[in-house]
Amino acid sequence: MDRIVLNRKINRGDELQMKGPLLEALCFQGGRVGHLVTVTDSGGNDFRGRILWLSQTEASIYIFDTFSSPTESSLEIILLQALPEKERMELIIQKATELGVSTILPFKSERSISLEEREAKQRKAHRWQEIAVKAVQQSRRAKVPRVGPYCSFQEALKICEGENLKILLWEKEGENLKDALRRSPPQKVYVMVGPEGGFTEEEVKLAKDEGFIPVKLGQRILRTETAAITLVGILQYQLGDLG
């Protein structure tokens, strides 16, 4: 459970007691005494609270503020990201979380570095979920996006089921993004972003067979982290809550 949702209405000034699954969600968000958290009531309204005290079995949160609108977008974005080198995955997780993605899934493509190669230089993967939690705290989101386990390109494709909008960024050729977004407004979007060297033609073919639409982001070649962050921002502006 990654979101603190109560089954009753909340008012400013309430002191809430957290037990069981609610306490687990609070701890998942890195809750500590004095920390600020976003709580959702039964009506879907989001509130800001401060943790007053915390034990292994119970916690108390004081509600001191309310948001004028929900902090979570109605658009569910699943970001499938080819594993980049150096600190770029950490940056992608941080910024994509701030922009409201629901899930981030790192995968191995033919031209990307492997997790084993990356960790041989510096172990970072174990911090990915922690980075998402900290970005949630900073951006006041109510939900912590799940950072999925590292997987293969084929495994990433299998996760993308259903008739939802599926976009694959390909610098060689592809549909205009505006045209792709004019289709029936989706509630869920799968976004697949490749490594610095781009996807191979065989990978693009496999993705197209699974319903992905190859799309170009203009004529300039963007770094993988720039492409991922830009596309998520555009999707939230056109289909989500940034408009």
Protein backbone atom coordinates (compact mmCIF):
# COMPACT_ATOMS: atom_id res chain seq x y z
CA MET A 1 0.00 0.00 0.00
CA ASP A 2 1.57 3.29 -1.11
CA ARG A 3 -1.19 5.81 -0.39
CA ILE A 4 -2.81 6.85 2.90
CA VAL A 5 -6.56 6.71 2.26
CA LEU A 6 -9.10 6.84 5.10
CA ASN A 7 -12.65 5.49 4.88
CA ARG A 8 -14.15 8.65 6.38
CA LYS A 9 -14.25 12.40 5.85
CA ILE A 10 -11.42 14.54 7.22
CA ASN A 11 -11.45 18.13 8.45
CA ARG A 12 -8.67 20.57 9.15
CA GLY A 13 -7.69 20.30 12.80
CA ASP A 14 -8.40 16.56 13.07
CA GLU A 15 -5.92 14.25 14.78
CA LEU A 16 -5.89 10.88 13.02
CA GLN A 17 -4.84 7.55 14.50
CA MET A 18 -3.06 5.19 12.12
CA LYS A 19 -2.97 1.42 12.56
CA GLY A 20 -2.63 -1.66 10.37
CA PRO A 21 -2.50 -0.97 6.59
CA LEU A 22 -2.61 2.79 7.14
CA LEU A 23 0.44 2.58 9.39
CA GLU A 24 2.18 0.41 6.78
CA ALA A 25 1.48 3.04 4.11
CA LEU A 26 2.81 5.75 6.41
CA CYS A 27 6.02 3.82 7.04
CA PHE A 28 6.39 3.07 3.31
CA GLN A 29 6.43 6.83 2.74
CA GLY A 30 9.34 7.14 5.14
CA GLY A 31 7.21 8.50 7.94
CA ARG A 32 8.98 9.86 11.01
CA VAL A 33 7.91 12.12 13.85
CA GLY A 34 7.68 15.68 12.53
CA HIS A 35 7.46 14.65 8.87
CA LEU A 36 4.71 16.04 6.64
CA VAL A 37 2.46 13.65 4.70
CA THR A 38 -0.48 13.89 2.32
CA VAL A 39 -3.64 12.02 3.39
CA THR A 40 -6.75 11.31 1.29
CA ASP A 41 -10.25 11.01 2.77
CA SER A 42 -13.24 8.98 1.60
CA GLY A 43 -14.37 11.80 -0.68
CA GLY A 44 -11.09 11.87 -2.57
CA ASN A 45 -9.96 15.12 -0.94
CA ASP A 46 -6.28 15.53 -0.07
CA PHE A 47 -5.01 17.01 3.20
CA ARG A 48 -1.61 17.87 4.62
CA GLY A 49 -0.68 16.47 8.00
CA ARG A 50 2.24 16.29 10.42
CA ILE A 51 3.23 13.10 12.24
CA LEU A 52 2.93 13.79 15.99
CA TRP A 53 4.10 10.44 17.27
CA LEU A 54 4.91 7.01 15.88
CA SER A 55 5.37 3.53 17.33
CA GLN A 56 5.55 0.03 15.87
CA THR A 57 1.79 -0.40 16.21
CA GLU A 58 0.26 3.05 15.92
CA ALA A 59 0.83 6.63 14.80
CA SER A 60 -0.91 9.99 15.11
CA ILE A 61 -1.18 12.65 12.40
CA TYR A 62 -2.40 16.21 12.89
CA ILE A 63 -4.23 17.65 9.85
CA PHE A 64 -3.34 21.31 9.38
CA ASP A 65 -4.10 22.09 5.73
CA THR A 66 -6.22 21.04 2.76
CA PHE A 67 -5.61 21.13 -0.99
CA SER A 68 -8.05 22.87 -3.30
CA SER A 69 -7.82 19.97 -5.78
CA PRO A 70 -6.48 16.39 -5.74
CA THR A 71 -2.69 16.03 -5.79
CA GLU A 72 -2.88 12.92 -7.98
CA SER A 73 -3.54 13.07 -11.72
CA SER A 74 -6.46 11.13 -13.21
CA LEU A 75 -4.02 9.96 -15.90
CA GLU A 76 -2.01 6.84 -15.07
CA ILE A 77 1.45 6.97 -16.66
CA ILE A 78 3.70 3.91 -16.68
CA LEU A 79 7.25 4.85 -17.63
CA LEU A 80 9.36 2.06 -19.10
CA GLN A 81 12.94 3.33 -19.06
CA ALA A 82 15.98 1.69 -20.65
CA LEU A 83 18.65 1.72 -17.95
CA PRO A 84 20.99 4.72 -18.46
CA GLU A 85 24.50 5.15 -17.16
CA LYS A 86 25.78 7.22 -14.24
CA GLU A 87 23.24 9.20 -12.16
CA ARG A 88 20.64 9.55 -14.89
CA MET A 89 18.24 6.89 -13.60
CA GLU A 90 18.09 8.66 -10.26
CA LEU A 91 17.27 11.95 -12.00
CA ILE A 92 14.56 10.32 -14.13
CA ILE A 93 12.92 8.72 -11.07
CA GLN A 94 12.99 11.99 -9.15
CA LYS A 95 11.55 14.20 -11.89
CA ALA A 96 9.05 11.65 -13.23
CA THR A 97 7.73 11.22 -9.67
CA GLU A 98 7.33 14.99 -9.28
CA LEU A 99 5.41 15.03 -12.57
CA GLY A 100 3.00 12.35 -11.37
CA VAL A 101 3.92 9.00 -12.94
CA SER A 102 2.34 5.90 -11.40
CA THR A 103 5.03 3.31 -12.13
CA ILE A 104 8.66 3.38 -13.29
CA LEU A 105 10.10 0.21 -14.78
CA PRO A 106 13.83 0.02 -15.67
CA PHE A 107 14.70 -2.49 -18.40
CA LYS A 108 17.63 -3.73 -20.48
CA SER A 109 17.62 -2.94 -24.19
CA GLU A 110 20.24 -4.02 -26.71
CA ARG A 111 22.11 -0.72 -26.54
CA SER A 112 21.70 0.10 -22.85
CA ILE A 113 24.02 -0.72 -20.00
CA SER A 114 23.07 -3.72 -17.88
CA LEU A 115 22.31 -3.47 -14.17
CA GLU A 116 25.29 -5.72 -13.45
CA GLU A 117 27.66 -3.42 -15.38
CA ARG A 118 26.22 -0.37 -13.67
CA GLU A 119 26.44 -1.79 -10.17
CA ALA A 120 30.01 -2.95 -10.78
CA LYS A 121 30.89 0.75 -10.98
CA GLN A 122 28.64 2.00 -8.17
CA ARG A 123 25.70 0.35 -6.42
CA LYS A 124 22.62 2.56 -6.77
CA ALA A 125 19.63 0.38 -7.67
CA HIS A 126 18.73 -0.34 -4.06
CA ARG A 127 18.03 3.40 -3.60
CA TRP A 128 15.55 3.79 -6.45
CA GLN A 129 12.39 3.37 -4.37
CA GLU A 130 13.84 5.63 -1.68
CA ILE A 131 14.43 8.35 -4.28
CA ALA A 132 10.77 8.09 -5.35
CA VAL A 133 9.65 8.40 -1.71
CA LYS A 134 11.73 11.55 -1.19
CA ALA A 135 10.38 13.07 -4.42
CA VAL A 136 6.83 12.39 -3.19
CA GLN A 137 7.59 14.18 0.07
CA GLN A 138 9.02 17.17 -1.79
CA SER A 139 6.15 17.42 -4.30
CA ARG A 140 3.39 16.74 -1.71
CA ARG A 141 1.96 13.84 -3.69
CA ALA A 142 -0.46 11.45 -2.05
CA LYS A 143 0.85 8.36 -3.85
CA VAL A 144 4.33 6.88 -4.07
CA PRO A 145 5.00 5.50 -7.56
CA ARG A 146 6.26 1.94 -7.67
CA VAL A 147 9.77 1.48 -9.03
CA GLY A 148 9.53 -2.00 -10.55
CA PRO A 149 12.29 -4.59 -10.69
CA TYR A 150 14.85 -4.40 -13.48
CA CYS A 151 13.81 -6.65 -16.37
CA SER A 152 14.46 -7.49 -20.02
CA PHE A 153 12.98 -5.65 -23.01
CA GLN A 154 10.64 -8.55 -23.73
CA GLU A 155 9.47 -8.71 -20.11
CA ALA A 156 8.75 -4.97 -20.18
CA LEU A 157 6.57 -5.41 -23.28
CA LYS A 158 4.55 -8.19 -21.64
CA ILE A 159 3.59 -5.87 -18.80
CA CYS A 160 1.90 -3.47 -21.25
CA GLU A 161 -1.45 -5.17 -21.71
CA GLY A 162 -4.82 -3.95 -22.93
CA GLU A 163 -5.91 -1.32 -25.43
CA ASN A 164 -4.31 1.60 -23.61
CA LEU A 165 -2.22 4.22 -25.39
CA LYS A 166 1.35 2.95 -25.84
CA ILE A 167 4.09 5.32 -26.97
CA LEU A 168 7.65 4.42 -27.92
CA LEU A 169 10.13 7.24 -28.48
CA TRP A 170 12.18 6.62 -31.63
CA GLU A 171 14.47 9.25 -33.06
CA LYS A 172 14.56 7.80 -36.60
CA GLU A 173 10.94 8.02 -37.60
CA GLY A 174 7.50 7.93 -36.09
CA GLU A 175 4.10 9.50 -35.78
CA ASN A 176 3.72 13.10 -34.73
CA LEU A 177 3.08 13.21 -30.97
CA LYS A 178 0.16 15.59 -31.40
CA ASP A 179 -1.52 13.13 -33.76
CA ALA A 180 -0.94 10.22 -31.38
CA LEU A 181 -2.55 12.16 -28.53
CA ARG A 182 -5.63 13.01 -30.59
CA ARG A 183 -6.84 9.43 -30.31
CA SER A 184 -9.48 8.52 -27.74
CA PRO A 185 -8.46 10.14 -24.42
CA PRO A 186 -6.84 7.34 -22.39
CA GLN A 187 -6.89 6.75 -18.65
CA LYS A 188 -3.57 4.91 -18.84
CA VAL A 189 -0.49 5.54 -20.98
CA TYR A 190 2.57 3.33 -21.38
CA VAL A 191 5.71 5.29 -22.31
CA MET A 192 8.84 3.45 -23.47
CA VAL A 193 12.09 5.45 -23.59
CA GLY A 194 15.31 3.98 -24.99
CA PRO A 195 19.00 4.43 -24.14
CA GLU A 196 21.41 7.01 -25.55
CA GLY A 197 21.97 4.87 -28.65
CA GLY A 198 18.26 4.47 -29.27
CA PHE A 199 16.25 1.34 -29.98
CA THR A 200 17.21 -1.14 -32.67
CA GLU A 201 14.82 -1.68 -35.59
CA GLU A 202 14.08 -5.17 -34.29
CA GLU A 203 13.08 -3.77 -30.89
CA VAL A 204 10.82 -1.22 -32.57
CA LYS A 205 9.19 -4.00 -34.59
CA LEU A 206 8.56 -6.07 -31.45
CA ALA A 207 7.08 -3.03 -29.70
CA LYS A 208 4.82 -2.23 -32.66
CA ASP A 209 3.55 -5.82 -32.61
CA GLU A 210 2.46 -5.17 -29.00
CA GLY A 211 0.57 -2.02 -29.98
CA PHE A 212 3.22 0.64 -29.38
CA ILE A 213 3.20 3.76 -31.56
CA PRO A 214 6.69 5.01 -32.53
CA VAL A 215 6.80 8.77 -31.91
CA LYS A 216 9.42 11.47 -32.51
CA LEU A 217 9.98 14.44 -30.21
CA GLY A 218 10.98 17.00 -32.82
CA GLN A 219 14.15 17.01 -34.91
CA ARG A 220 16.71 17.33 -32.13
CA ILE A 221 18.30 14.31 -30.49
CA LEU A 222 17.59 14.41 -26.75
CA ARG A 223 19.40 12.65 -23.94
CA THR A 224 17.38 9.79 -22.54
CA GLU A 225 16.64 11.63 -19.28
CA THR A 226 15.57 14.76 -21.17
CA ALA A 227 13.28 12.73 -23.43
CA ALA A 228 11.62 10.87 -20.53
CA ILE A 229 11.00 13.98 -18.43
CA THR A 230 9.79 16.02 -21.41
CA LEU A 231 7.35 13.38 -22.61
CA VAL A 232 5.85 12.82 -19.16
CA GLY A 233 5.37 16.58 -18.81
CA ILE A 234 3.66 16.82 -22.20
CA LEU A 235 1.33 13.94 -21.38
CA GLN A 236 0.31 15.52 -18.07
CA TYR A 237 -0.28 18.85 -19.82
CA GLN A 238 -2.34 17.40 -22.67
CA LEU A 239 -4.16 14.56 -20.87
CA GLY A 240 -3.53 14.96 -17.14
CA ASP A 241 -3.52 17.70 -14.53
CA LEU A 242 -0.84 20.16 -15.67
CA GLY A 243 -3.19 22.01 -18.01
